Every structure is written in C-alpha cells, then in structure tokens.
Amino acid sequence: MIYFWHQVYNFCHQITHRIGESLLADFAQLEPTRKADGSLVTKADKWADEELRLGIKQCFPTHGVLTEETEHILPPNEWCWVIDPIDGTTNFTRGIPIWGISIGLLYRGIPVFGFVHFPQVQQTYHGYYYGNTGLTGPKGAFLNNNLISTSDASPTMNHVVTMCNRSLDILKHDFPCKVRITGVTSYDLISVACGATLGAIEASPKVWDIAGAYPILLAAGGNFVHIDPENAFPLTKGVNYGNISFPCLAVAKENLISVFKPLVESIYQPKSLLIS
C-alpha cells in the first residue's frame, strides 16, 4: 500500500500543479455561463475536468470517476475519484484569488484521501484518513507538506467561523464568533483543518465540493457533521449525485458541536446529526 499512496500523492501533485499553472492564465479573463442547477461553469472548468479524467484513466485505469462537470453517477468500482476542477468558479471569474482544484479518493464510497490545490495563493493541502475501512498507509494532514492540525481554542469574537450565503439566517441569533464568507466550500472546510477557523457551515454543497477536504479535516483532528443523515458517507453505487446536496457542519474539536449544532438546527431542523 505504501507504493500505492506514493503514486496517488505524486499523481495529484503533478496534475493539479500543471492544470493550476494553465488556469492562472485564465484567472479573471473568462465569463461564466449558468448551468441548470444554478452553478457557474467556464471553458476552463470543462478543460480542467477533461484533463483530470484523462489523467486518472491513464494512471489508475481500474478506478472510477465522479466529477462536477460530466460524471454524476457513482460507478461500481471499489476505488473512485471525486473531482471538482475549479471549486470557486465565481471567484475565479471575478478576480477573487480563493479558488482551487479539489480531488478526493473514495474507497467503497468513503473519502480516504484528499488533495486540494489553490494555485492563486500557492497553498496545497493533502490528507489521509482511513476511518474503519481497514486500509493502512500514511497518516496526517498537510499544508505544503507541513503537518497541520485544528485549533484548540474556545469560541470568542477573536475567532472565525465560515459559512455559505444560504446559511446567513443563522446570524439572526447571537453568534459566538466572527463570520467570513469565501464562496469556496473546500477552502472553508480546510480552514478548519489548518487551525485558521473554528468551524464551517455549508448548506448545500455537492459531494465534489467536500470529498477532497473531508479526509484532510478529519486527519487534522476535526469533526465533520452530516446535517442530513440520508446524504452522508459512504456513497451508494449507481446513485446520481448531480442534484444531491450534503449540508454539513465542520468543527475544530468535538466539544464545539454542542456550541454550533443548535444554531444549525435553528435553520435546517434536521431529524438528527451524525458525526463521522
């Protein structure tokens, strides 16, 4: 397995940096079009998606692929790559430098490796988290190959939680931290992993928005809460994930769930919250 994980890391590093260099030339230069689900897409998204799919097919021919732009049905393969060629297309087109290439590797429907590269800010994250899959290999979460971990801090107005636009109703209640909105789900989740923020609240991300950041967050010591238990890991073979959202709460430490869970429930009113 050690050789396999080296192969996985090297592939992700090489292809995301190569694609990222090309995308930098298109930064703030392209006008997007709106897809049926309301999200934006550019020719750069489509090009990067194709490059990633071709690269996976060449290097890992027995693996499946699930992508934002083309392949939405989870294939029957034991291993499956989940890719978002540009997470943060709006930022990318409007000249806001937070956007990235997100890659998650699923084993039997569970993300066990994540790699997210943010070309504009020169930050590259990766992490390994095997949970109860029985897999073995490298451990930990990393920023530019330096080990990272979540914060031990308690919530104060000196600390930050990120959220998406669809979560703003939470601010009708007293909120224990400052709030930031980046518009990039993977960046928000990873900001918890590296200790920059204490939490992230995302109302309607798709699986390709979270699959890369999920193992990084857990490997760094964070907790990921599925707000809707019916849309959680492991994924199910044959299901079309194109229109399925994965509302979630990410926190730096388990004790913070009790702080933010009631605020999340005040909006989403879930049947229950699952910790994975």
C-alpha atoms as a PDB file:
ATOM      1  CA  MET A   1       0.000   0.000   0.000  1.00  0.00           C
ATOM      2  CA  ILE A   2       2.895   2.415   0.605  1.00  0.00           C
ATOM      3  CA  TYR A   3       3.770   2.453  -3.093  1.00  0.00           C
ATOM      4  CA  PHE A   4       0.105   2.978  -3.945  1.00  0.00           C
ATOM      5  CA  TRP A   5      -0.179   6.026  -1.690  1.00  0.00           C
ATOM      6  CA  HIS A   6       3.044   7.474  -3.103  1.00  0.00           C
ATOM      7  CA  GLN A   7       1.579   7.004  -6.572  1.00  0.00           C
ATOM      8  CA  VAL A   8      -1.671   8.700  -5.524  1.00  0.00           C
ATOM      9  CA  TYR A   9       0.105  11.679  -3.965  1.00  0.00           C
ATOM     10  CA  ASN A  10       2.531  12.150  -6.856  1.00  0.00           C
ATOM     11  CA  PHE A  11      -0.276  11.970  -9.399  1.00  0.00           C
ATOM     12  CA  CYS A  12      -2.355  14.577  -7.565  1.00  0.00           C
ATOM     13  CA  HIS A  13       0.578  16.901  -7.034  1.00  0.00           C
ATOM     14  CA  GLN A  14       1.752  16.791 -10.631  1.00  0.00           C
ATOM     15  CA  ILE A  15      -1.620  17.091 -12.326  1.00  0.00           C
ATOM     16  CA  THR A  16      -3.067  19.823 -10.085  1.00  0.00           C
ATOM     17  CA  HIS A  17       0.056  21.969 -10.384  1.00  0.00           C
ATOM     18  CA  ARG A  18       0.170  21.524 -14.149  1.00  0.00           C
ATOM     19  CA  ILE A  19      -3.515  22.362 -14.522  1.00  0.00           C
ATOM     20  CA  GLY A  20      -3.228  25.157 -11.985  1.00  0.00           C
ATOM     21  CA  GLU A  21      -0.473  26.863 -13.965  1.00  0.00           C
ATOM     22  CA  SER A  22      -2.685  26.881 -17.047  1.00  0.00           C
ATOM     23  CA  LEU A  23      -5.701  28.139 -15.122  1.00  0.00           C
ATOM     24  CA  LEU A  24      -3.740  31.112 -13.808  1.00  0.00           C
ATOM     25  CA  ALA A  25      -3.639  32.462 -17.353  1.00  0.00           C
ATOM     26  CA  ASP A  26      -7.457  32.432 -17.449  1.00  0.00           C
ATOM     27  CA  PHE A  27      -7.948  33.946 -13.991  1.00  0.00           C
ATOM     28  CA  ALA A  28     -10.458  36.826 -14.223  1.00  0.00           C
ATOM     29  CA  GLN A  29     -10.418  36.542 -18.030  1.00  0.00           C
ATOM     30  CA  LEU A  30     -13.484  34.355 -18.692  1.00  0.00           C
ATOM     31  CA  GLU A  31     -17.206  34.977 -18.463  1.00  0.00           C
ATOM     32  CA  PRO A  32     -19.161  32.061 -16.988  1.00  0.00           C
ATOM     33  CA  THR A  33     -22.436  30.544 -18.084  1.00  0.00           C
ATOM     34  CA  ARG A  34     -25.101  29.301 -15.687  1.00  0.00           C
ATOM     35  CA  LYS A  35     -25.937  25.607 -15.532  1.00  0.00           C
ATOM     36  CA  ALA A  36     -29.362  24.120 -14.872  1.00  0.00           C
ATOM     37  CA  ASP A  37     -28.650  23.797 -11.138  1.00  0.00           C
ATOM     38  CA  GLY A  38     -27.702  27.481 -10.908  1.00  0.00           C
ATOM     39  CA  SER A  39     -23.948  26.955 -10.546  1.00  0.00           C
ATOM     40  CA  LEU A  40     -21.479  28.558 -12.935  1.00  0.00           C
ATOM     41  CA  VAL A  41     -19.152  26.984 -15.468  1.00  0.00           C
ATOM     42  CA  THR A  42     -16.468  28.229 -17.866  1.00  0.00           C
ATOM     43  CA  LYS A  43     -14.459  26.639 -20.646  1.00  0.00           C
ATOM     44  CA  ALA A  44     -11.617  26.427 -18.104  1.00  0.00           C
ATOM     45  CA  ASP A  45     -13.750  24.219 -15.805  1.00  0.00           C
ATOM     46  CA  LYS A  46     -14.530  21.907 -18.724  1.00  0.00           C
ATOM     47  CA  TRP A  47     -10.904  21.764 -19.867  1.00  0.00           C
ATOM     48  CA  ALA A  48      -9.616  21.021 -16.362  1.00  0.00           C
ATOM     49  CA  ASP A  49     -12.295  18.381 -15.877  1.00  0.00           C
ATOM     50  CA  GLU A  50     -11.251  16.596 -19.059  1.00  0.00           C
ATOM     51  CA  GLU A  51      -7.560  16.758 -18.152  1.00  0.00           C
ATOM     52  CA  LEU A  52      -8.239  15.252 -14.730  1.00  0.00           C
ATOM     53  CA  ARG A  53     -10.410  12.461 -16.125  1.00  0.00           C
ATOM     54  CA  LEU A  54      -7.843  11.583 -18.791  1.00  0.00           C
ATOM     55  CA  GLY A  55      -5.053  11.593 -16.218  1.00  0.00           C
ATOM     56  CA  ILE A  56      -6.960   9.264 -13.899  1.00  0.00           C
ATOM     57  CA  LYS A  57      -7.794   6.910 -16.763  1.00  0.00           C
ATOM     58  CA  GLN A  58      -4.129   6.692 -17.742  1.00  0.00           C
ATOM     59  CA  CYS A  59      -2.674   6.279 -14.234  1.00  0.00           C
ATOM     60  CA  PHE A  60      -5.490   4.375 -12.496  1.00  0.00           C
ATOM     61  CA  PRO A  61      -7.399   2.525 -15.244  1.00  0.00           C
ATOM     62  CA  THR A  62      -9.367   0.337 -12.817  1.00  0.00           C
ATOM     63  CA  HIS A  63     -10.694   3.294 -10.805  1.00  0.00           C
ATOM     64  CA  GLY A  64     -13.986   5.084 -11.298  1.00  0.00           C
ATOM     65  CA  VAL A  65     -14.562   8.828 -11.593  1.00  0.00           C
ATOM     66  CA  LEU A  66     -17.247  11.175 -10.277  1.00  0.00           C
ATOM     67  CA  THR A  67     -16.994  14.809 -11.382  1.00  0.00           C
ATOM     68  CA  GLU A  68     -18.952  18.032 -11.184  1.00  0.00           C
ATOM     69  CA  GLU A  69     -18.957  18.671 -14.918  1.00  0.00           C
ATOM     70  CA  THR A  70     -19.548  15.270 -16.515  1.00  0.00           C
ATOM     71  CA  GLU A  71     -19.851  12.068 -14.446  1.00  0.00           C
ATOM     72  CA  HIS A  72     -22.539  12.254 -11.738  1.00  0.00           C
ATOM     73  CA  ILE A  73     -23.415   8.575 -11.180  1.00  0.00           C
ATOM     74  CA  LEU A  74     -21.233   6.711  -8.681  1.00  0.00           C
ATOM     75  CA  PRO A  75     -19.694   3.770 -10.564  1.00  0.00           C
ATOM     76  CA  PRO A  76     -19.342   0.265  -9.109  1.00  0.00           C
ATOM     77  CA  ASN A  77     -15.547   0.486  -8.801  1.00  0.00           C
ATOM     78  CA  GLU A  78     -14.053  -0.118  -5.351  1.00  0.00           C
ATOM     79  CA  TRP A  79     -11.910   2.997  -5.803  1.00  0.00           C
ATOM     80  CA  CYS A  80     -13.395   6.186  -7.201  1.00  0.00           C
ATOM     81  CA  TRP A  81     -12.009   9.689  -7.708  1.00  0.00           C
ATOM     82  CA  VAL A  82     -14.262  12.666  -6.993  1.00  0.00           C
ATOM     83  CA  ILE A  83     -13.095  15.858  -8.659  1.00  0.00           C
ATOM     84  CA  ASP A  84     -14.079  19.493  -8.773  1.00  0.00           C
ATOM     85  CA  PRO A  85     -11.909  21.083 -11.481  1.00  0.00           C
ATOM     86  CA  ILE A  86     -12.467  24.614 -10.138  1.00  0.00           C
ATOM     87  CA  ASP A  87     -14.056  24.921  -6.735  1.00  0.00           C
ATOM     88  CA  GLY A  88     -14.964  28.600  -6.620  1.00  0.00           C
ATOM     89  CA  THR A  89     -15.776  29.364 -10.247  1.00  0.00           C
ATOM     90  CA  THR A  90     -17.422  32.669  -9.312  1.00  0.00           C
ATOM     91  CA  ASN A  91     -14.260  33.785  -7.528  1.00  0.00           C
ATOM     92  CA  PHE A  92     -12.172  32.557 -10.453  1.00  0.00           C
ATOM     93  CA  THR A  93     -14.118  34.616 -12.982  1.00  0.00           C
ATOM     94  CA  ARG A  94     -14.453  37.743 -10.827  1.00  0.00           C
ATOM     95  CA  GLY A  95     -10.776  38.019  -9.904  1.00  0.00           C
ATOM     96  CA  ILE A  96     -11.043  36.835  -6.290  1.00  0.00           C
ATOM     97  CA  PRO A  97      -7.944  34.707  -5.609  1.00  0.00           C
ATOM     98  CA  ILE A  98      -9.556  31.965  -3.488  1.00  0.00           C
ATOM     99  CA  TRP A  99     -10.377  29.033  -5.798  1.00  0.00           C
ATOM    100  CA  GLY A 100      -8.922  25.588  -6.132  1.00  0.00           C
ATOM    101  CA  ILE A 101      -8.715  22.159  -7.721  1.00  0.00           C
ATOM    102  CA  SER A 102     -10.263  19.580  -5.401  1.00  0.00           C
ATOM    103  CA  ILE A 103      -9.651  15.829  -5.578  1.00  0.00           C
ATOM    104  CA  GLY A 104     -10.999  13.174  -3.243  1.00  0.00           C
ATOM    105  CA  LEU A 105     -10.325   9.444  -3.470  1.00  0.00           C
ATOM    106  CA  LEU A 106     -13.130   7.171  -2.306  1.00  0.00           C
ATOM    107  CA  TYR A 107     -12.706   3.611  -1.089  1.00  0.00           C
ATOM    108  CA  ARG A 108     -16.042   1.788  -1.079  1.00  0.00           C
ATOM    109  CA  GLY A 109     -17.829   5.126  -1.057  1.00  0.00           C
ATOM    110  CA  ILE A 110     -15.815   6.790   1.718  1.00  0.00           C
ATOM    111  CA  PRO A 111     -13.247   9.577   1.095  1.00  0.00           C
ATOM    112  CA  VAL A 112      -9.911   8.312   2.421  1.00  0.00           C
ATOM    113  CA  PHE A 113      -7.514  10.705   0.680  1.00  0.00           C
ATOM    114  CA  GLY A 114      -7.910  14.358  -0.203  1.00  0.00           C
ATOM    115  CA  PHE A 115      -5.808  16.758  -2.232  1.00  0.00           C
ATOM    116  CA  VAL A 116      -6.794  20.397  -2.783  1.00  0.00           C
ATOM    117  CA  HIS A 117      -4.561  22.887  -4.603  1.00  0.00           C
ATOM    118  CA  PHE A 118      -5.189  26.650  -4.547  1.00  0.00           C
ATOM    119  CA  PRO A 119      -2.943  27.992  -7.340  1.00  0.00           C
ATOM    120  CA  GLN A 120      -3.508  31.700  -6.804  1.00  0.00           C
ATOM    121  CA  VAL A 121      -2.485  31.676  -3.132  1.00  0.00           C
ATOM    122  CA  GLN A 122       0.080  28.858  -3.570  1.00  0.00           C
ATOM    123  CA  GLN A 123      -1.425  26.591  -0.930  1.00  0.00           C
ATOM    124  CA  THR A 124      -1.606  22.832  -1.408  1.00  0.00           C
ATOM    125  CA  TYR A 125      -3.328  20.590   1.135  1.00  0.00           C
ATOM    126  CA  HIS A 126      -3.486  16.829   1.366  1.00  0.00           C
ATOM    127  CA  GLY A 127      -4.515  14.305   3.976  1.00  0.00           C
ATOM    128  CA  TYR A 128      -5.148  10.625   4.719  1.00  0.00           C
ATOM    129  CA  TYR A 129      -7.991   9.341   6.891  1.00  0.00           C
ATOM    130  CA  TYR A 130      -8.996   5.677   6.726  1.00  0.00           C
ATOM    131  CA  GLY A 131     -11.653   5.504   9.450  1.00  0.00           C
ATOM    132  CA  ASN A 132     -12.983   1.966   9.754  1.00  0.00           C
ATOM    133  CA  THR A 133     -12.196   0.969   6.150  1.00  0.00           C
ATOM    134  CA  GLY A 134      -9.368  -1.356   7.177  1.00  0.00           C
ATOM    135  CA  LEU A 135      -6.877   0.474   4.958  1.00  0.00           C
ATOM    136  CA  THR A 136      -3.383   1.347   6.133  1.00  0.00           C
ATOM    137  CA  GLY A 137      -0.859   3.900   4.961  1.00  0.00           C
ATOM    138  CA  PRO A 138       0.471   7.390   5.684  1.00  0.00           C
ATOM    139  CA  LYS A 139      -1.336   9.475   8.272  1.00  0.00           C
ATOM    140  CA  GLY A 140      -1.934  13.156   8.877  1.00  0.00           C
ATOM    141  CA  ALA A 141      -2.966  16.347   7.113  1.00  0.00           C
ATOM    142  CA  PHE A 142      -0.546  18.741   5.454  1.00  0.00           C
ATOM    143  CA  LEU A 143      -0.231  22.252   4.028  1.00  0.00           C
ATOM    144  CA  ASN A 144       2.621  22.472   1.518  1.00  0.00           C
ATOM    145  CA  ASN A 145       3.910  19.237   3.099  1.00  0.00           C
ATOM    146  CA  ASN A 146       3.948  20.709   6.628  1.00  0.00           C
ATOM    147  CA  LEU A 147       1.813  18.936   9.216  1.00  0.00           C
ATOM    148  CA  ILE A 148      -1.348  20.819  10.235  1.00  0.00           C
ATOM    149  CA  SER A 149      -3.940  20.406  12.978  1.00  0.00           C
ATOM    150  CA  THR A 150      -7.153  22.010  14.112  1.00  0.00           C
ATOM    151  CA  SER A 151      -7.364  24.717  16.781  1.00  0.00           C
ATOM    152  CA  ASP A 152      -7.873  24.014  20.493  1.00  0.00           C
ATOM    153  CA  ALA A 153      -9.360  27.463  21.106  1.00  0.00           C
ATOM    154  CA  SER A 154     -12.768  28.186  22.596  1.00  0.00           C
ATOM    155  CA  PRO A 155     -15.158  30.408  20.617  1.00  0.00           C
ATOM    156  CA  THR A 156     -14.722  34.150  21.119  1.00  0.00           C
ATOM    157  CA  MET A 157     -15.164  37.236  18.972  1.00  0.00           C
ATOM    158  CA  ASN A 158     -11.438  36.918  18.221  1.00  0.00           C
ATOM    159  CA  HIS A 159     -12.109  33.682  16.338  1.00  0.00           C
ATOM    160  CA  VAL A 160     -13.723  32.935  12.990  1.00  0.00           C
ATOM    161  CA  VAL A 161     -16.353  30.615  11.556  1.00  0.00           C
ATOM    162  CA  THR A 162     -17.043  30.476   7.822  1.00  0.00           C
ATOM    163  CA  MET A 163     -20.423  29.914   6.252  1.00  0.00           C
ATOM    164  CA  CYS A 164     -22.112  29.996   2.874  1.00  0.00           C
ATOM    165  CA  ASN A 165     -24.653  32.546   1.638  1.00  0.00           C
ATOM    166  CA  ARG A 166     -27.505  30.112   2.258  1.00  0.00           C
ATOM    167  CA  SER A 167     -26.599  29.903   5.964  1.00  0.00           C
ATOM    168  CA  LEU A 168     -26.899  33.593   6.777  1.00  0.00           C
ATOM    169  CA  ASP A 169     -30.191  33.186   8.657  1.00  0.00           C
ATOM    170  CA  ILE A 170     -28.064  31.820  11.492  1.00  0.00           C
ATOM    171  CA  LEU A 171     -26.959  35.404  12.136  1.00  0.00           C
ATOM    172  CA  LYS A 172     -30.463  36.251  13.342  1.00  0.00           C
ATOM    173  CA  HIS A 173     -29.303  34.587  16.554  1.00  0.00           C
ATOM    174  CA  ASP A 174     -26.394  35.619  18.759  1.00  0.00           C
ATOM    175  CA  PHE A 175     -23.298  34.137  17.176  1.00  0.00           C
ATOM    176  CA  PRO A 176     -20.174  33.398  19.260  1.00  0.00           C
ATOM    177  CA  CYS A 177     -17.523  34.166  16.604  1.00  0.00           C
ATOM    178  CA  LYS A 178     -16.768  36.468  13.726  1.00  0.00           C
ATOM    179  CA  VAL A 179     -18.071  35.259  10.346  1.00  0.00           C
ATOM    180  CA  ARG A 180     -16.384  35.083   6.953  1.00  0.00           C
ATOM    181  CA  ILE A 181     -17.810  34.026   3.576  1.00  0.00           C
ATOM    182  CA  THR A 182     -15.307  32.859   0.952  1.00  0.00           C
ATOM    183  CA  GLY A 183     -17.664  31.189  -1.514  1.00  0.00           C
ATOM    184  CA  VAL A 184     -15.471  28.060  -1.699  1.00  0.00           C
ATOM    185  CA  THR A 185     -16.607  25.017   0.271  1.00  0.00           C
ATOM    186  CA  SER A 186     -13.301  23.146   0.149  1.00  0.00           C
ATOM    187  CA  TYR A 187     -11.439  26.231   1.381  1.00  0.00           C
ATOM    188  CA  ASP A 188     -13.894  26.706   4.242  1.00  0.00           C
ATOM    189  CA  LEU A 189     -13.558  23.108   5.438  1.00  0.00           C
ATOM    190  CA  ILE A 190      -9.792  23.162   5.111  1.00  0.00           C
ATOM    191  CA  SER A 191      -9.566  26.447   7.010  1.00  0.00           C
ATOM    192  CA  VAL A 192     -10.854  24.455   9.986  1.00  0.00           C
ATOM    193  CA  ALA A 193      -8.274  21.735   9.366  1.00  0.00           C
ATOM    194  CA  CYS A 194      -5.330  24.133   9.422  1.00  0.00           C
ATOM    195  CA  GLY A 195      -6.479  25.976  12.567  1.00  0.00           C
ATOM    196  CA  ALA A 196      -7.448  29.227  10.856  1.00  0.00           C
ATOM    197  CA  THR A 197     -11.138  28.895  11.799  1.00  0.00           C
ATOM    198  CA  LEU A 198     -13.131  27.040  14.429  1.00  0.00           C
ATOM    199  CA  GLY A 199     -15.952  25.928  12.186  1.00  0.00           C
ATOM    200  CA  ALA A 200     -17.590  25.940   8.769  1.00  0.00           C
ATOM    201  CA  ILE A 201     -21.306  25.761   7.947  1.00  0.00           C
ATOM    202  CA  GLU A 202     -22.314  24.740   4.426  1.00  0.00           C
ATOM    203  CA  ALA A 203     -25.985  24.496   3.495  1.00  0.00           C
ATOM    204  CA  SER A 204     -25.964  22.822   0.092  1.00  0.00           C
ATOM    205  CA  PRO A 205     -22.567  21.581  -1.121  1.00  0.00           C
ATOM    206  CA  LYS A 206     -22.351  18.728  -3.593  1.00  0.00           C
ATOM    207  CA  VAL A 207     -20.147  15.710  -2.997  1.00  0.00           C
ATOM    208  CA  TRP A 208     -17.348  17.087  -5.235  1.00  0.00           C
ATOM    209  CA  ASP A 209     -17.232  20.197  -3.040  1.00  0.00           C
ATOM    210  CA  ILE A 210     -16.471  18.207   0.117  1.00  0.00           C
ATOM    211  CA  ALA A 211     -14.796  14.920  -0.912  1.00  0.00           C
ATOM    212  CA  GLY A 212     -11.298  16.388  -1.142  1.00  0.00           C
ATOM    213  CA  ALA A 213     -11.474  18.399   2.084  1.00  0.00           C
ATOM    214  CA  TYR A 214     -13.217  15.701   4.156  1.00  0.00           C
ATOM    215  CA  PRO A 215     -10.167  13.436   4.776  1.00  0.00           C
ATOM    216  CA  ILE A 216      -7.946  16.477   5.337  1.00  0.00           C
ATOM    217  CA  LEU A 217     -10.271  17.841   8.023  1.00  0.00           C
ATOM    218  CA  LEU A 218     -10.578  14.506   9.833  1.00  0.00           C
ATOM    219  CA  ALA A 219      -6.861  13.762   9.576  1.00  0.00           C
ATOM    220  CA  ALA A 220      -6.130  17.148  11.164  1.00  0.00           C
ATOM    221  CA  GLY A 221      -8.300  16.318  14.188  1.00  0.00           C
ATOM    222  CA  GLY A 222     -11.530  17.977  13.105  1.00  0.00           C
ATOM    223  CA  ASN A 223     -15.102  16.693  13.141  1.00  0.00           C
ATOM    224  CA  PHE A 224     -17.500  16.539  10.202  1.00  0.00           C
ATOM    225  CA  VAL A 225     -21.230  16.515  10.919  1.00  0.00           C
ATOM    226  CA  HIS A 226     -23.741  15.380   8.277  1.00  0.00           C
ATOM    227  CA  ILE A 227     -26.794  17.581   8.791  1.00  0.00           C
ATOM    228  CA  ASP A 228     -28.949  15.313   6.646  1.00  0.00           C
ATOM    229  CA  PRO A 229     -28.328  11.670   7.670  1.00  0.00           C
ATOM    230  CA  GLU A 230     -29.776  10.444   4.375  1.00  0.00           C
ATOM    231  CA  ASN A 231     -26.999  12.200   2.449  1.00  0.00           C
ATOM    232  CA  ALA A 232     -23.829  11.003   4.126  1.00  0.00           C
ATOM    233  CA  PHE A 233     -20.835   8.758   3.527  1.00  0.00           C
ATOM    234  CA  PRO A 234     -20.487   6.078   2.310  1.00  0.00           C
ATOM    235  CA  LEU A 235     -21.925   6.928  -1.084  1.00  0.00           C
ATOM    236  CA  THR A 236     -24.137   4.398  -2.866  1.00  0.00           C
ATOM    237  CA  LYS A 237     -23.222   2.792  -6.171  1.00  0.00           C
ATOM    238  CA  GLY A 238     -25.472   3.697  -9.067  1.00  0.00           C
ATOM    239  CA  VAL A 239     -26.888   6.833  -7.456  1.00  0.00           C
ATOM    240  CA  ASN A 240     -26.884  10.085  -9.438  1.00  0.00           C
ATOM    241  CA  TYR A 241     -25.305  12.688  -7.168  1.00  0.00           C
ATOM    242  CA  GLY A 242     -25.808  15.596  -9.547  1.00  0.00           C
ATOM    243  CA  ASN A 243     -28.743  17.030  -7.613  1.00  0.00           C
ATOM    244  CA  ILE A 244     -27.984  15.738  -4.112  1.00  0.00           C
ATOM    245  CA  SER A 245     -26.697  18.183  -1.515  1.00  0.00           C
ATOM    246  CA  PHE A 246     -24.598  17.352   1.551  1.00  0.00           C
ATOM    247  CA  PRO A 247     -25.370  20.041   4.144  1.00  0.00           C
ATOM    248  CA  CYS A 248     -22.682  19.895   6.771  1.00  0.00           C
ATOM    249  CA  LEU A 249     -21.036  21.384   9.811  1.00  0.00           C
ATOM    250  CA  ALA A 250     -17.269  21.169  10.318  1.00  0.00           C
ATOM    251  CA  VAL A 251     -15.737  21.985  13.699  1.00  0.00           C
ATOM    252  CA  ALA A 252     -12.208  22.012  15.060  1.00  0.00           C
ATOM    253  CA  LYS A 253     -12.978  19.822  18.079  1.00  0.00           C
ATOM    254  CA  GLU A 254     -15.872  17.584  19.088  1.00  0.00           C
ATOM    255  CA  ASN A 255     -16.843  19.799  22.048  1.00  0.00           C
ATOM    256  CA  LEU A 256     -17.725  22.603  19.604  1.00  0.00           C
ATOM    257  CA  ILE A 257     -20.569  20.560  18.100  1.00  0.00           C
ATOM    258  CA  SER A 258     -22.733  21.433  21.095  1.00  0.00           C
ATOM    259  CA  VAL A 259     -21.942  25.122  20.530  1.00  0.00           C
ATOM    260  CA  PHE A 260     -22.868  25.287  16.842  1.00  0.00           C
ATOM    261  CA  LYS A 261     -25.345  22.416  16.472  1.00  0.00           C
ATOM    262  CA  PRO A 262     -28.314  24.336  17.972  1.00  0.00           C
ATOM    263  CA  LEU A 263     -27.659  27.271  15.638  1.00  0.00           C
ATOM    264  CA  VAL A 264     -27.565  24.962  12.625  1.00  0.00           C
ATOM    265  CA  GLU A 265     -30.721  23.178  13.763  1.00  0.00           C
ATOM    266  CA  SER A 266     -32.483  26.542  14.078  1.00  0.00           C
ATOM    267  CA  ILE A 267     -32.292  26.778  10.274  1.00  0.00           C
ATOM    268  CA  TYR A 268     -32.205  23.234   8.952  1.00  0.00           C
ATOM    269  CA  GLN A 269     -34.194  21.462  11.665  1.00  0.00           C
ATOM    270  CA  PRO A 270     -32.654  18.061  10.836  1.00  0.00           C
ATOM    271  CA  LYS A 271     -34.037  14.830  12.217  1.00  0.00           C
ATOM    272  CA  SER A 272     -30.648  14.175  13.782  1.00  0.00           C
ATOM    273  CA  LEU A 273     -26.981  14.968  13.370  1.00  0.00           C
ATOM    274  CA  LEU A 274     -24.429  12.262  12.623  1.00  0.00           C
ATOM    275  CA  ILE A 275     -20.729  12.558  13.443  1.00  0.00           C
ATOM    276  CA  SER A 276     -18.328  10.723  11.161  1.00  0.00           C
END
